[in-house]
Amino acid sequence: MFLYENQKNKLKISFFGDSITWFGWELPYGYVQKTVKALNDRGFTVTPFPSGIKGNTTREMLNRMDYDVLSHKPDIMFFMGGLNDIWHTNETIEQYQENIENIIDKAQKNKIEVILLNLTIFSEDINDQKNKKIAQYNGILEKIAKEKKVQLIDVNKSFWEEIGKHDKTGRILTVSDGVHLNEKGNEVLAEKVIRDFSETHKPYRLLSANKSTKK
């Protein structure tokens, strides 16, 4: 359980990623916007540093991390990346793993708490070959999270659960073009991030209340 007593709920949060993160901030219903609002409503005072770039691979994110993340000295970094590694590059899954490990290592060396979001979906067909590859990449993320002792939020599972509720209709529910999230997709992502973060992080006022109760 993380209790930010010394900062009295003031959190600087980096949202680091690709187009999912970029749209998550730029769109009024984007998941980054929703997450920041929800955390502020729950007692935190969040200063967001949105840093999503469309088309970015994890190698490109690693290369720009000093400027786009470390320079802001955030307390927390939400990280999601890898869709473009699958979609646009010939990098191996071993290279993907190395990039993720290097990103986490750089953050932790700078005393930044890392929260990994695993990969979403490429289409709403679970048998799509790209979704099968996403499952492999998400397996790597799970392994890394355990080894590096960082929180992993399983957003992929939330998407398939939501799609499973409506799969009989045959209509597209969460994505606008097979990859990028529509309003519903951003809602699914935000709700999962907010729920999991709220379970592991409590604002200062709750800590104070607990102390006063013990007296």
N, C-alpha and C. Protein backbone atom coordinates (compact mmCIF):
# COMPACT_ATOMS: atom_id res chain seq x y z
N MET A 1 0.85 -1.19 0.00
CA MET A 1 0.00 0.00 0.00
C MET A 1 0.88 1.24 0.00
N PHE A 2 0.67 2.15 -0.93
CA PHE A 2 1.47 3.35 -1.03
C PHE A 2 0.71 4.52 -0.42
N LEU A 3 1.32 5.19 0.56
CA LEU A 3 0.69 6.31 1.24
C LEU A 3 1.61 7.53 1.11
N TYR A 4 1.17 8.52 0.38
CA TYR A 4 2.02 9.66 0.08
C TYR A 4 1.87 10.73 1.16
N GLU A 5 2.30 10.40 2.37
CA GLU A 5 2.11 11.28 3.52
C GLU A 5 2.95 12.55 3.38
N ASN A 6 4.22 12.40 2.99
CA ASN A 6 5.10 13.56 2.96
C ASN A 6 4.67 14.58 1.91
N GLN A 7 4.07 14.11 0.83
CA GLN A 7 3.66 15.01 -0.24
C GLN A 7 2.24 15.52 -0.04
N LYS A 8 1.56 15.00 0.97
CA LYS A 8 0.18 15.42 1.25
C LYS A 8 -0.69 15.34 -0.02
N ASN A 9 -0.61 14.21 -0.66
CA ASN A 9 -1.48 13.87 -1.80
C ASN A 9 -1.06 14.50 -3.13
N LYS A 10 0.00 15.30 -3.14
CA LYS A 10 0.41 15.90 -4.40
C LYS A 10 1.23 14.90 -5.20
N LEU A 11 0.71 14.51 -6.34
CA LEU A 11 1.37 13.50 -7.17
C LEU A 11 1.66 14.06 -8.55
N LYS A 12 2.91 13.89 -8.97
CA LYS A 12 3.27 14.18 -10.36
C LYS A 12 3.27 12.84 -11.09
N ILE A 13 2.42 12.72 -12.09
CA ILE A 13 2.27 11.44 -12.78
C ILE A 13 2.58 11.59 -14.26
N SER A 14 3.51 10.77 -14.73
CA SER A 14 3.82 10.70 -16.16
C SER A 14 2.97 9.61 -16.80
N PHE A 15 2.32 9.94 -17.90
CA PHE A 15 1.59 8.96 -18.69
C PHE A 15 2.39 8.76 -19.97
N PHE A 16 3.10 7.65 -20.05
CA PHE A 16 4.12 7.42 -21.07
C PHE A 16 3.66 6.32 -22.01
N GLY A 17 3.62 6.62 -23.32
CA GLY A 17 3.15 5.58 -24.22
C GLY A 17 3.09 6.02 -25.67
N ASP A 18 2.19 5.36 -26.41
CA ASP A 18 2.05 5.60 -27.85
C ASP A 18 0.74 6.34 -28.12
N SER A 19 0.08 6.00 -29.24
CA SER A 19 -1.13 6.73 -29.62
C SER A 19 -2.29 6.50 -28.65
N ILE A 20 -2.34 5.35 -28.00
CA ILE A 20 -3.41 5.11 -27.02
C ILE A 20 -3.32 6.16 -25.91
N THR A 21 -2.09 6.44 -25.48
CA THR A 21 -1.87 7.45 -24.45
C THR A 21 -2.09 8.85 -25.01
N TRP A 22 -1.63 9.09 -26.23
CA TRP A 22 -1.79 10.42 -26.85
C TRP A 22 -3.27 10.78 -26.95
N PHE A 23 -4.07 9.86 -27.52
CA PHE A 23 -5.51 10.10 -27.60
C PHE A 23 -6.14 10.15 -26.21
N GLY A 24 -5.56 9.40 -25.28
CA GLY A 24 -6.08 9.38 -23.92
C GLY A 24 -6.03 10.73 -23.24
N TRP A 25 -5.12 11.58 -23.71
CA TRP A 25 -5.03 12.93 -23.17
C TRP A 25 -5.73 13.95 -24.06
N GLU A 26 -5.60 13.80 -25.36
CA GLU A 26 -6.12 14.78 -26.30
C GLU A 26 -7.64 14.77 -26.40
N LEU A 27 -8.24 13.60 -26.24
CA LEU A 27 -9.70 13.50 -26.33
C LEU A 27 -10.34 13.83 -24.98
N PRO A 28 -11.42 14.56 -24.97
CA PRO A 28 -12.06 14.90 -23.70
C PRO A 28 -12.55 13.67 -22.92
N TYR A 29 -12.82 12.58 -23.64
CA TYR A 29 -13.24 11.34 -22.98
C TYR A 29 -12.09 10.34 -22.89
N GLY A 30 -10.85 10.79 -23.13
CA GLY A 30 -9.70 9.90 -23.11
C GLY A 30 -9.40 9.35 -21.72
N TYR A 31 -8.77 8.20 -21.67
CA TYR A 31 -8.56 7.52 -20.39
C TYR A 31 -7.62 8.31 -19.47
N VAL A 32 -6.67 9.03 -20.04
CA VAL A 32 -5.78 9.84 -19.19
C VAL A 32 -6.57 10.96 -18.52
N GLN A 33 -7.38 11.64 -19.30
CA GLN A 33 -8.24 12.68 -18.74
C GLN A 33 -9.14 12.13 -17.64
N LYS A 34 -9.75 10.98 -17.90
CA LYS A 34 -10.65 10.38 -16.92
C LYS A 34 -9.90 9.96 -15.66
N THR A 35 -8.70 9.42 -15.83
CA THR A 35 -7.92 8.97 -14.69
C THR A 35 -7.50 10.13 -13.80
N VAL A 36 -7.01 11.19 -14.40
CA VAL A 36 -6.59 12.36 -13.64
C VAL A 36 -7.77 12.94 -12.86
N LYS A 37 -8.90 13.07 -13.51
CA LYS A 37 -10.09 13.62 -12.84
C LYS A 37 -10.51 12.74 -11.67
N ALA A 38 -10.53 11.43 -11.90
CA ALA A 38 -10.97 10.51 -10.84
C ALA A 38 -10.03 10.55 -9.64
N LEU A 39 -8.72 10.61 -9.87
CA LEU A 39 -7.78 10.66 -8.75
C LEU A 39 -7.90 11.97 -7.99
N ASN A 40 -8.13 13.06 -8.71
CA ASN A 40 -8.37 14.34 -8.03
C ASN A 40 -9.63 14.28 -7.20
N ASP A 41 -10.66 13.64 -7.72
CA ASP A 41 -11.92 13.50 -6.98
C ASP A 41 -11.75 12.63 -5.73
N ARG A 42 -10.77 11.73 -5.77
CA ARG A 42 -10.56 10.80 -4.65
C ARG A 42 -9.61 11.34 -3.59
N GLY A 43 -9.14 12.57 -3.75
CA GLY A 43 -8.33 13.17 -2.71
C GLY A 43 -6.90 13.48 -3.07
N PHE A 44 -6.44 13.08 -4.26
CA PHE A 44 -5.11 13.44 -4.71
C PHE A 44 -5.15 14.78 -5.44
N THR A 45 -4.00 15.41 -5.53
CA THR A 45 -3.83 16.58 -6.39
C THR A 45 -2.79 16.18 -7.43
N VAL A 46 -3.26 15.88 -8.63
CA VAL A 46 -2.40 15.30 -9.66
C VAL A 46 -1.90 16.37 -10.63
N THR A 47 -0.60 16.38 -10.84
CA THR A 47 -0.01 17.14 -11.93
C THR A 47 0.36 16.14 -13.02
N PRO A 48 -0.37 16.12 -14.14
CA PRO A 48 -0.10 15.12 -15.17
C PRO A 48 0.96 15.58 -16.16
N PHE A 49 1.75 14.64 -16.60
CA PHE A 49 2.71 14.87 -17.68
C PHE A 49 2.41 13.86 -18.79
N PRO A 50 1.46 14.18 -19.66
CA PRO A 50 1.09 13.25 -20.74
C PRO A 50 2.18 13.19 -21.79
N SER A 51 2.63 12.01 -22.12
CA SER A 51 3.72 11.86 -23.08
C SER A 51 3.49 10.65 -23.97
N GLY A 52 2.39 10.70 -24.71
CA GLY A 52 2.13 9.68 -25.72
C GLY A 52 2.46 10.24 -27.09
N ILE A 53 3.12 9.45 -27.91
CA ILE A 53 3.42 9.85 -29.29
C ILE A 53 2.90 8.77 -30.23
N LYS A 54 2.12 9.21 -31.19
CA LYS A 54 1.51 8.27 -32.14
C LYS A 54 2.58 7.54 -32.93
N GLY A 55 2.40 6.22 -33.04
CA GLY A 55 3.31 5.40 -33.83
C GLY A 55 4.56 4.96 -33.11
N ASN A 56 4.76 5.39 -31.86
CA ASN A 56 5.98 5.05 -31.14
C ASN A 56 6.10 3.57 -30.81
N THR A 57 7.30 3.05 -30.98
CA THR A 57 7.65 1.72 -30.50
C THR A 57 8.29 1.86 -29.13
N THR A 58 8.51 0.74 -28.45
CA THR A 58 9.15 0.81 -27.14
C THR A 58 10.59 1.28 -27.25
N ARG A 59 11.25 0.98 -28.35
CA ARG A 59 12.63 1.47 -28.54
C ARG A 59 12.63 3.00 -28.64
N GLU A 60 11.67 3.54 -29.36
CA GLU A 60 11.58 5.01 -29.49
C GLU A 60 11.22 5.65 -28.16
N MET A 61 10.37 4.98 -27.39
CA MET A 61 10.03 5.51 -26.06
C MET A 61 11.26 5.53 -25.16
N LEU A 62 12.03 4.46 -25.20
CA LEU A 62 13.25 4.40 -24.40
C LEU A 62 14.19 5.53 -24.77
N ASN A 63 14.30 5.81 -26.06
CA ASN A 63 15.23 6.85 -26.54
C ASN A 63 14.81 8.26 -26.12
N ARG A 64 13.51 8.47 -25.89
CA ARG A 64 13.06 9.82 -25.52
C ARG A 64 12.70 9.93 -24.04
N MET A 65 12.99 8.91 -23.29
CA MET A 65 12.54 8.86 -21.90
C MET A 65 13.18 9.95 -21.03
N ASP A 66 14.45 10.25 -21.26
CA ASP A 66 15.12 11.26 -20.44
C ASP A 66 14.39 12.60 -20.53
N TYR A 67 14.05 13.00 -21.73
CA TYR A 67 13.43 14.31 -21.94
C TYR A 67 11.95 14.30 -21.55
N ASP A 68 11.23 13.25 -21.95
CA ASP A 68 9.77 13.25 -21.81
C ASP A 68 9.28 12.74 -20.47
N VAL A 69 10.12 12.03 -19.72
CA VAL A 69 9.71 11.51 -18.42
C VAL A 69 10.63 12.01 -17.30
N LEU A 70 11.88 11.64 -17.37
CA LEU A 70 12.79 11.91 -16.25
C LEU A 70 12.96 13.39 -15.95
N SER A 71 12.91 14.22 -16.98
CA SER A 71 13.10 15.65 -16.77
C SER A 71 12.00 16.26 -15.90
N HIS A 72 10.84 15.64 -15.85
CA HIS A 72 9.73 16.15 -15.05
C HIS A 72 9.77 15.66 -13.60
N LYS A 73 10.63 14.70 -13.32
CA LYS A 73 10.77 14.14 -11.97
C LYS A 73 9.43 13.70 -11.39
N PRO A 74 8.72 12.84 -12.10
CA PRO A 74 7.41 12.40 -11.59
C PRO A 74 7.56 11.44 -10.42
N ASP A 75 6.49 11.34 -9.65
CA ASP A 75 6.43 10.34 -8.58
C ASP A 75 6.09 8.96 -9.16
N ILE A 76 5.23 8.97 -10.17
CA ILE A 76 4.69 7.74 -10.74
C ILE A 76 4.76 7.82 -12.26
N MET A 77 5.04 6.71 -12.90
CA MET A 77 4.95 6.62 -14.35
C MET A 77 4.01 5.49 -14.74
N PHE A 78 2.87 5.86 -15.34
CA PHE A 78 2.02 4.86 -15.98
C PHE A 78 2.61 4.60 -17.36
N PHE A 79 2.91 3.34 -17.66
CA PHE A 79 3.53 3.02 -18.95
C PHE A 79 2.71 1.97 -19.69
N MET A 80 2.44 2.27 -20.97
CA MET A 80 1.83 1.27 -21.85
C MET A 80 2.46 1.40 -23.23
N GLY A 81 3.03 0.31 -23.74
CA GLY A 81 3.63 0.35 -25.06
C GLY A 81 3.87 -1.05 -25.59
N GLY A 82 3.84 -1.16 -26.91
CA GLY A 82 4.13 -2.45 -27.54
C GLY A 82 3.28 -2.75 -28.75
N LEU A 83 2.15 -2.06 -28.89
CA LEU A 83 1.30 -2.33 -30.06
C LEU A 83 2.04 -2.06 -31.36
N ASN A 84 2.82 -0.99 -31.37
CA ASN A 84 3.55 -0.65 -32.60
C ASN A 84 4.75 -1.57 -32.83
N ASP A 85 5.27 -2.15 -31.75
CA ASP A 85 6.32 -3.16 -31.91
C ASP A 85 5.78 -4.35 -32.69
N ILE A 86 4.53 -4.70 -32.42
CA ILE A 86 3.88 -5.82 -33.12
C ILE A 86 3.46 -5.42 -34.52
N TRP A 87 2.97 -4.21 -34.65
CA TRP A 87 2.31 -3.77 -35.88
C TRP A 87 3.29 -3.28 -36.94
N HIS A 88 4.32 -2.52 -36.52
CA HIS A 88 5.13 -1.77 -37.47
C HIS A 88 6.59 -2.17 -37.56
N THR A 89 7.08 -3.03 -36.70
CA THR A 89 8.52 -3.32 -36.71
C THR A 89 8.78 -4.81 -36.82
N ASN A 90 10.03 -5.10 -37.05
CA ASN A 90 10.46 -6.50 -37.11
C ASN A 90 11.24 -6.91 -35.86
N GLU A 91 11.12 -6.10 -34.81
CA GLU A 91 11.82 -6.44 -33.58
C GLU A 91 11.26 -7.73 -32.99
N THR A 92 12.14 -8.47 -32.36
CA THR A 92 11.73 -9.73 -31.74
C THR A 92 11.12 -9.48 -30.38
N ILE A 93 10.46 -10.50 -29.87
CA ILE A 93 9.88 -10.37 -28.54
C ILE A 93 10.97 -10.23 -27.48
N GLU A 94 12.17 -10.77 -27.77
CA GLU A 94 13.30 -10.61 -26.86
C GLU A 94 13.76 -9.16 -26.82
N GLN A 95 13.73 -8.48 -27.98
CA GLN A 95 14.09 -7.07 -28.01
C GLN A 95 13.05 -6.22 -27.29
N TYR A 96 11.79 -6.60 -27.44
CA TYR A 96 10.72 -5.92 -26.71
C TYR A 96 10.94 -6.04 -25.21
N GLN A 97 11.24 -7.25 -24.76
CA GLN A 97 11.49 -7.47 -23.33
C GLN A 97 12.65 -6.60 -22.84
N GLU A 98 13.71 -6.53 -23.62
CA GLU A 98 14.87 -5.73 -23.22
C GLU A 98 14.51 -4.24 -23.12
N ASN A 99 13.72 -3.75 -24.08
CA ASN A 99 13.31 -2.35 -24.04
C ASN A 99 12.49 -2.05 -22.78
N ILE A 100 11.54 -2.94 -22.46
CA ILE A 100 10.70 -2.73 -21.28
C ILE A 100 11.54 -2.75 -20.01
N GLU A 101 12.44 -3.69 -19.92
CA GLU A 101 13.30 -3.78 -18.74
C GLU A 101 14.15 -2.53 -18.58
N ASN A 102 14.66 -2.01 -19.69
CA ASN A 102 15.49 -0.80 -19.63
C ASN A 102 14.67 0.42 -19.22
N ILE A 103 13.44 0.50 -19.70
CA ILE A 103 12.55 1.61 -19.32
C ILE A 103 12.27 1.57 -17.82
N ILE A 104 11.96 0.40 -17.31
CA ILE A 104 11.69 0.26 -15.87
C ILE A 104 12.93 0.57 -15.06
N ASP A 105 14.08 0.05 -15.49
CA ASP A 105 15.32 0.28 -14.75
C ASP A 105 15.64 1.78 -14.66
N LYS A 106 15.47 2.50 -15.77
CA LYS A 106 15.75 3.93 -15.76
C LYS A 106 14.82 4.66 -14.80
N ALA A 107 13.56 4.27 -14.81
CA ALA A 107 12.60 4.90 -13.91
C ALA A 107 12.95 4.62 -12.45
N GLN A 108 13.22 3.37 -12.14
CA GLN A 108 13.49 3.00 -10.75
C GLN A 108 14.78 3.62 -10.24
N LYS A 109 15.79 3.76 -11.10
CA LYS A 109 17.02 4.42 -10.70
C LYS A 109 16.79 5.87 -10.34
N ASN A 110 15.73 6.44 -10.90
CA ASN A 110 15.37 7.83 -10.62
C ASN A 110 14.24 7.93 -9.59
N LYS A 111 14.01 6.83 -8.86
CA LYS A 111 13.04 6.77 -7.77
C LYS A 111 11.62 7.09 -8.23
N ILE A 112 11.29 6.62 -9.42
CA ILE A 112 9.95 6.77 -9.97
C ILE A 112 9.22 5.45 -9.84
N GLU A 113 8.05 5.48 -9.24
CA GLU A 113 7.25 4.26 -9.16
C GLU A 113 6.67 3.94 -10.54
N VAL A 114 6.84 2.70 -10.99
CA VAL A 114 6.36 2.28 -12.30
C VAL A 114 5.08 1.48 -12.16
N ILE A 115 4.09 1.83 -12.96
CA ILE A 115 2.86 1.05 -13.06
C ILE A 115 2.69 0.67 -14.53
N LEU A 116 2.75 -0.62 -14.81
CA LEU A 116 2.62 -1.12 -16.17
C LEU A 116 1.16 -1.37 -16.50
N LEU A 117 0.76 -0.93 -17.68
CA LEU A 117 -0.53 -1.31 -18.25
C LEU A 117 -0.23 -2.28 -19.39
N ASN A 118 -0.82 -3.46 -19.37
CA ASN A 118 -0.52 -4.36 -20.48
C ASN A 118 -1.27 -3.93 -21.73
N LEU A 119 -1.05 -4.64 -22.82
CA LEU A 119 -1.54 -4.20 -24.12
C LEU A 119 -3.03 -4.47 -24.27
N THR A 120 -3.70 -3.59 -24.99
CA THR A 120 -5.14 -3.68 -25.17
C THR A 120 -5.47 -4.74 -26.23
N ILE A 121 -6.02 -4.35 -27.37
CA ILE A 121 -6.43 -5.31 -28.39
C ILE A 121 -6.17 -4.72 -29.77
N PHE A 122 -6.14 -5.59 -30.79
CA PHE A 122 -6.00 -5.14 -32.17
C PHE A 122 -7.33 -5.19 -32.92
N SER A 123 -8.18 -6.02 -32.50
CA SER A 123 -9.53 -6.10 -33.06
C SER A 123 -10.38 -6.76 -31.98
N GLU A 124 -11.64 -6.93 -32.25
CA GLU A 124 -12.47 -7.60 -31.25
C GLU A 124 -12.66 -9.07 -31.56
N ASP A 125 -11.74 -9.61 -32.36
CA ASP A 125 -11.70 -11.04 -32.68
C ASP A 125 -10.52 -11.65 -31.92
N ILE A 126 -10.81 -12.41 -30.90
CA ILE A 126 -9.75 -12.97 -30.06
C ILE A 126 -8.85 -13.92 -30.83
N ASN A 127 -9.33 -14.43 -31.97
CA ASN A 127 -8.54 -15.35 -32.78
C ASN A 127 -7.67 -14.65 -33.80
N ASP A 128 -7.75 -13.34 -33.89
CA ASP A 128 -6.88 -12.56 -34.76
C ASP A 128 -5.42 -12.85 -34.39
N GLN A 129 -4.57 -13.04 -35.39
CA GLN A 129 -3.18 -13.38 -35.14
C GLN A 129 -2.46 -12.31 -34.31
N LYS A 130 -2.83 -11.05 -34.52
CA LYS A 130 -2.19 -9.99 -33.74
C LYS A 130 -2.60 -10.09 -32.27
N ASN A 131 -3.84 -10.49 -32.00
CA ASN A 131 -4.24 -10.67 -30.61
C ASN A 131 -3.52 -11.85 -29.96
N LYS A 132 -3.22 -12.85 -30.74
CA LYS A 132 -2.44 -13.97 -30.20
C LYS A 132 -1.02 -13.52 -29.86
N LYS A 133 -0.49 -12.61 -30.68
CA LYS A 133 0.84 -12.08 -30.38
C LYS A 133 0.80 -11.16 -29.17
N ILE A 134 -0.28 -10.38 -29.05
CA ILE A 134 -0.46 -9.54 -27.86
C ILE A 134 -0.43 -10.39 -26.60
N ALA A 135 -1.07 -11.55 -26.64
CA ALA A 135 -1.08 -12.44 -25.48
C ALA A 135 0.35 -12.85 -25.10
N GLN A 136 1.20 -13.06 -26.10
CA GLN A 136 2.60 -13.40 -25.82
C GLN A 136 3.34 -12.22 -25.19
N TYR A 137 3.11 -11.04 -25.73
CA TYR A 137 3.76 -9.84 -25.19
C TYR A 137 3.28 -9.56 -23.77
N ASN A 138 1.99 -9.77 -23.54
CA ASN A 138 1.46 -9.55 -22.19
C ASN A 138 2.03 -10.55 -21.20
N GLY A 139 2.33 -11.74 -21.68
CA GLY A 139 2.99 -12.73 -20.83
C GLY A 139 4.37 -12.25 -20.41
N ILE A 140 5.08 -11.60 -21.33
CA ILE A 140 6.38 -11.03 -21.02
C ILE A 140 6.24 -9.92 -19.98
N LEU A 141 5.22 -9.07 -20.15
CA LEU A 141 5.01 -7.99 -19.20
C LEU A 141 4.72 -8.51 -17.79
N GLU A 142 3.95 -9.58 -17.72
CA GLU A 142 3.64 -10.18 -16.42
C GLU A 142 4.91 -10.69 -15.75
N LYS A 143 5.75 -11.33 -16.54
CA LYS A 143 7.02 -11.86 -16.02
C LYS A 143 7.92 -10.72 -15.53
N ILE A 144 8.03 -9.67 -16.32
CA ILE A 144 8.88 -8.54 -15.95
C ILE A 144 8.35 -7.87 -14.69
N ALA A 145 7.03 -7.68 -14.60
CA ALA A 145 6.44 -7.03 -13.44
C ALA A 145 6.78 -7.76 -12.15
N LYS A 146 6.74 -9.08 -12.20
CA LYS A 146 7.08 -9.88 -11.01
C LYS A 146 8.55 -9.73 -10.66
N GLU A 147 9.39 -9.76 -11.68
CA GLU A 147 10.83 -9.68 -11.44
C GLU A 147 11.25 -8.31 -10.93
N LYS A 148 10.63 -7.27 -11.48
CA LYS A 148 11.01 -5.90 -11.11
C LYS A 148 10.18 -5.36 -9.94
N LYS A 149 9.21 -6.18 -9.50
CA LYS A 149 8.35 -5.79 -8.38
C LYS A 149 7.60 -4.48 -8.66
N VAL A 150 6.93 -4.45 -9.81
CA VAL A 150 6.10 -3.29 -10.15
C VAL A 150 4.66 -3.74 -10.35
N GLN A 151 3.74 -2.82 -10.17
CA GLN A 151 2.33 -3.12 -10.33
C GLN A 151 2.00 -3.26 -11.81
N LEU A 152 1.24 -4.30 -12.14
CA LEU A 152 0.77 -4.52 -13.50
C LEU A 152 -0.76 -4.47 -13.50
N ILE A 153 -1.32 -3.63 -14.34
CA ILE A 153 -2.77 -3.52 -14.47
C ILE A 153 -3.20 -4.26 -15.74
N ASP A 154 -4.00 -5.29 -15.56
CA ASP A 154 -4.40 -6.16 -16.67
C ASP A 154 -5.60 -5.56 -17.41
N VAL A 155 -5.33 -4.56 -18.24
CA VAL A 155 -6.41 -3.91 -18.98
C VAL A 155 -6.92 -4.81 -20.11
N ASN A 156 -6.05 -5.66 -20.63
CA ASN A 156 -6.46 -6.56 -21.72
C ASN A 156 -7.62 -7.44 -21.29
N LYS A 157 -7.55 -7.97 -20.09
CA LYS A 157 -8.63 -8.82 -19.58
C LYS A 157 -9.94 -8.06 -19.49
N SER A 158 -9.86 -6.78 -19.09
CA SER A 158 -11.08 -5.97 -18.99
C SER A 158 -11.74 -5.78 -20.34
N PHE A 159 -10.92 -5.63 -21.39
CA PHE A 159 -11.49 -5.47 -22.72
C PHE A 159 -12.22 -6.73 -23.17
N TRP A 160 -11.61 -7.88 -22.97
CA TRP A 160 -12.26 -9.11 -23.41
C TRP A 160 -13.50 -9.41 -22.59
N GLU A 161 -13.48 -9.04 -21.32
CA GLU A 161 -14.69 -9.22 -20.50
C GLU A 161 -15.82 -8.34 -21.01
N GLU A 162 -15.50 -7.10 -21.36
CA GLU A 162 -16.52 -6.18 -21.86
C GLU A 162 -17.04 -6.65 -23.21
N ILE A 163 -16.16 -7.06 -24.08
CA ILE A 163 -16.56 -7.54 -25.41
C ILE A 163 -17.42 -8.78 -25.27
N GLY A 164 -17.07 -9.65 -24.31
CA GLY A 164 -17.83 -10.87 -24.11
C GLY A 164 -19.27 -10.65 -23.71
N LYS A 165 -19.54 -9.50 -23.09
CA LYS A 165 -20.92 -9.19 -22.71
C LYS A 165 -21.79 -8.85 -23.90
N HIS A 166 -21.15 -8.45 -25.01
CA HIS A 166 -21.91 -7.91 -26.14
C HIS A 166 -21.60 -8.62 -27.46
N ASP A 167 -20.89 -9.75 -27.39
CA ASP A 167 -20.40 -10.35 -28.63
C ASP A 167 -21.52 -10.89 -29.53
N LYS A 168 -22.70 -11.08 -29.00
CA LYS A 168 -23.79 -11.60 -29.82
C LYS A 168 -24.33 -10.57 -30.81
N THR A 169 -24.04 -9.29 -30.54
CA THR A 169 -24.56 -8.25 -31.43
C THR A 169 -23.75 -8.16 -32.71
N GLY A 170 -22.50 -8.52 -32.65
CA GLY A 170 -21.64 -8.45 -33.82
C GLY A 170 -21.12 -7.06 -34.13
N ARG A 171 -21.47 -6.07 -33.34
CA ARG A 171 -21.02 -4.71 -33.62
C ARG A 171 -19.72 -4.42 -32.88
N ILE A 172 -18.93 -3.47 -33.44
CA ILE A 172 -17.69 -3.08 -32.80
C ILE A 172 -18.02 -2.25 -31.57
N LEU A 173 -17.42 -2.60 -30.45
CA LEU A 173 -17.78 -1.97 -29.18
C LEU A 173 -16.74 -0.99 -28.67
N THR A 174 -15.45 -1.36 -28.72
CA THR A 174 -14.44 -0.60 -27.97
C THR A 174 -13.38 0.09 -28.83
N VAL A 175 -13.29 -0.24 -30.11
CA VAL A 175 -12.24 0.35 -30.96
C VAL A 175 -12.86 1.03 -32.17
N SER A 176 -12.17 2.07 -32.65
CA SER A 176 -12.70 2.83 -33.77
C SER A 176 -12.18 2.32 -35.11
N ASP A 177 -10.98 1.75 -35.11
CA ASP A 177 -10.36 1.30 -36.36
C ASP A 177 -9.65 -0.04 -36.20
N GLY A 178 -10.01 -0.77 -35.17
CA GLY A 178 -9.34 -2.03 -34.89
C GLY A 178 -8.23 -1.90 -33.86
N VAL A 179 -7.73 -0.67 -33.65
CA VAL A 179 -6.62 -0.45 -32.72
C VAL A 179 -6.93 0.66 -31.73
N HIS A 180 -7.25 1.85 -32.26
CA HIS A 180 -7.47 3.00 -31.39
C HIS A 180 -8.83 2.93 -30.72
N LEU A 181 -8.86 3.42 -29.49
CA LEU A 181 -10.04 3.25 -28.66
C LEU A 181 -11.07 4.33 -28.94
N ASN A 182 -12.33 3.91 -29.00
CA ASN A 182 -13.42 4.88 -29.08
C ASN A 182 -13.78 5.30 -27.65
N GLU A 183 -14.90 5.99 -27.51
CA GLU A 183 -15.27 6.48 -26.18
C GLU A 183 -15.47 5.33 -25.20
N LYS A 184 -16.11 4.25 -25.65
CA LYS A 184 -16.33 3.10 -24.78
C LYS A 184 -15.02 2.44 -24.40
N GLY A 185 -14.12 2.33 -25.37
CA GLY A 185 -12.82 1.72 -25.08
C GLY A 185 -12.03 2.51 -24.06
N ASN A 186 -12.05 3.84 -24.18
CA ASN A 186 -11.38 4.68 -23.19
C ASN A 186 -12.02 4.54 -21.82
N GLU A 187 -13.33 4.37 -21.80
CA GLU A 187 -14.04 4.17 -20.52
C GLU A 187 -13.61 2.87 -19.86
N VAL A 188 -13.53 1.79 -20.64
CA VAL A 188 -13.10 0.50 -20.10
C VAL A 188 -11.68 0.60 -19.53
N LEU A 189 -10.81 1.24 -20.29
CA LEU A 189 -9.41 1.38 -19.86
C LEU A 189 -9.31 2.22 -18.59
N ALA A 190 -9.99 3.36 -18.58
CA ALA A 190 -9.92 4.25 -17.42
C ALA A 190 -10.47 3.58 -16.17
N GLU A 191 -11.60 2.92 -16.29
CA GLU A 191 -12.22 2.29 -15.12
C GLU A 191 -11.30 1.25 -14.49
N LYS A 192 -10.61 0.48 -15.32
CA LYS A 192 -9.70 -0.53 -14.80
C LYS A 192 -8.49 0.12 -14.13
N VAL A 193 -7.92 1.13 -14.76
CA VAL A 193 -6.76 1.82 -14.19
C VAL A 193 -7.13 2.47 -12.86
N ILE A 194 -8.24 3.17 -12.84
CA ILE A 194 -8.67 3.87 -11.62
C ILE A 194 -8.95 2.87 -10.50
N ARG A 195 -9.63 1.77 -10.83
CA ARG A 195 -9.99 0.78 -9.81
C ARG A 195 -8.74 0.14 -9.20
N ASP A 196 -7.82 -0.29 -10.05
CA ASP A 196 -6.63 -0.98 -9.53
C ASP A 196 -5.72 -0.02 -8.77
N PHE A 197 -5.56 1.19 -9.29
CA PHE A 197 -4.72 2.17 -8.61
C PHE A 197 -5.31 2.52 -7.25
N SER A 198 -6.61 2.68 -7.18
CA SER A 198 -7.26 3.05 -5.92
C SER A 198 -7.16 1.95 -4.87
N GLU A 199 -7.00 0.71 -5.32
CA GLU A 199 -6.85 -0.40 -4.37
C GLU A 199 -5.47 -0.42 -3.74
N THR A 200 -4.47 0.13 -4.41
CA THR A 200 -3.09 0.05 -3.93
C THR A 200 -2.54 1.39 -3.44
N HIS A 201 -3.25 2.48 -3.69
CA HIS A 201 -2.78 3.81 -3.32
C HIS A 201 -3.90 4.56 -2.59
N LYS A 202 -3.58 5.08 -1.43
CA LYS A 202 -4.57 5.81 -0.64
C LYS A 202 -4.07 7.22 -0.36
N PRO A 203 -4.95 8.21 -0.42
CA PRO A 203 -4.53 9.59 -0.14
C PRO A 203 -4.28 9.84 1.33
N TYR A 204 -3.61 10.92 1.61
CA TYR A 204 -3.16 11.28 2.95
C TYR A 204 -4.30 11.39 3.96
N ARG A 205 -5.43 11.87 3.55
CA ARG A 205 -6.54 12.07 4.49
C ARG A 205 -6.98 10.75 5.12
N LEU A 206 -6.86 9.63 4.35
CA LEU A 206 -7.23 8.33 4.91
C LEU A 206 -6.19 7.88 5.92
N LEU A 207 -4.93 8.17 5.65
CA LEU A 207 -3.88 7.83 6.60
C LEU A 207 -4.07 8.60 7.90
N SER A 208 -4.39 9.89 7.79
CA SER A 208 -4.62 10.70 8.98
C SER A 208 -5.81 10.19 9.78
N ALA A 209 -6.86 9.80 9.08
CA ALA A 209 -8.06 9.28 9.75
C ALA A 209 -7.74 8.00 10.50
N ASN A 210 -6.91 7.15 9.89
CA ASN A 210 -6.55 5.89 10.54
C ASN A 210 -5.73 6.16 11.82
N LYS A 211 -4.85 7.16 11.74
CA LYS A 211 -4.03 7.47 12.92
C LYS A 211 -4.89 8.00 14.07
N SER A 212 -5.83 8.88 13.70
CA SER A 212 -6.66 9.46 14.74
C SER A 212 -7.57 8.42 15.37
N THR A 213 -7.93 7.39 14.60
CA THR A 213 -8.80 6.33 15.12
C THR A 213 -8.07 5.50 16.18
N LYS A 214 -6.75 5.36 16.00
CA LYS A 214 -5.99 4.52 16.91
C LYS A 214 -5.73 5.18 18.26
N LYS A 215 -5.86 6.49 18.33
CA LYS A 215 -5.56 7.20 19.57
C LYS A 215 -6.63 6.93 20.64
